[in-house]
Amino acid sequence: MSDLQPGVPVSFDVIIPARFGSSRLPGKPLADIGGKTMVQRVYERASESGAERVVVATDDTRVAEAVQAFGGRVCMTAPDHASGTDRLQEVAKQLKLSDDRILVNVQGDEPLIPPAVIDQVARNLAHNRAAGVATLAEPIESLEDFRNPNIVKVVGDKSGLARYFSRAPIPWPRDAFAEDAGHASLPEGLNPRRHIGIYAYRAGLLRLFVSWPMAPLERFESLEQLRFLYNGHEIHVADACAEVPGGVDTTQDLERMRAYFS
């Protein structure tokens, strides 16, 4: 644990990876939502947090120009990064950040991200020196979500450290489901948790991350956070202090977001 006292401000930066070439929704960062681009909506939310600096990381000049047009800060990164984490590490390198500097990765497709959860994940990492990464979760309420492989589940220990992330339904209630083969709801007391994809990192660990090969578990699950666990680095996980609405992955998501802002 750190020696930080409750209420003491935590110093951190927010990095927003914003790729233009989304496979499902090309040009997504520049999609118009109520008269502003998506990347501007996300940037404004992040700027309401306690971050000292908010930076958009992009590989596309169109995104960079759009960010500069609304007065945002941008960092140009290589186009061939395998993941958003690799892109974050390049930003940390360009900004010459110290190993202990905390960076929060806010996805560029979440225009409704609550600023409070950005502060929460940064503070959780600052207060938990045993962890190199912090992230958030929320309860899973339905059996449909529990079984959905697109919803990532996380299991933690009593100290708040993640033990595994999976697309599979974990923990599996063997006896309850064996007794009720046609189960229509989650058994009482199971309390599975859905992983929310917001992360706080220390910059020094990002440098290690990009030097490691893809972990076998990561390859099968397609979950890059498993690379940290595979290499012996702890991830702190806590339930989010506010509801985190879903991001924009599809055209339907975009239309719902436009309707919300209209």
Foldseek 3Di string as FASTA:
>chain_A
DDPDDPPDAFEAEEEEEDEQCFPFDHRQQQDDFLNAGLQVLQQVQQVPAPYPAYEYEYQDVVNVVSCVVVPHHYDHDHPDDPDPLLSVLVVCVVVVPDQQHKYKYDYSFQSPFHSQLSRVQSVVCVVDVQAQKEFEKAWDFWPVLLAALVFKWWDDDPVQWTDDIASHRPPDPVVVCVVPVPDGGDDPPRGIITTDPMMMGRSNVSVVLVVDDQDPVCVVRVDSVVSCVVVPGIYGYYHGPDDRDDGDDHPVSSVVSSVVSD
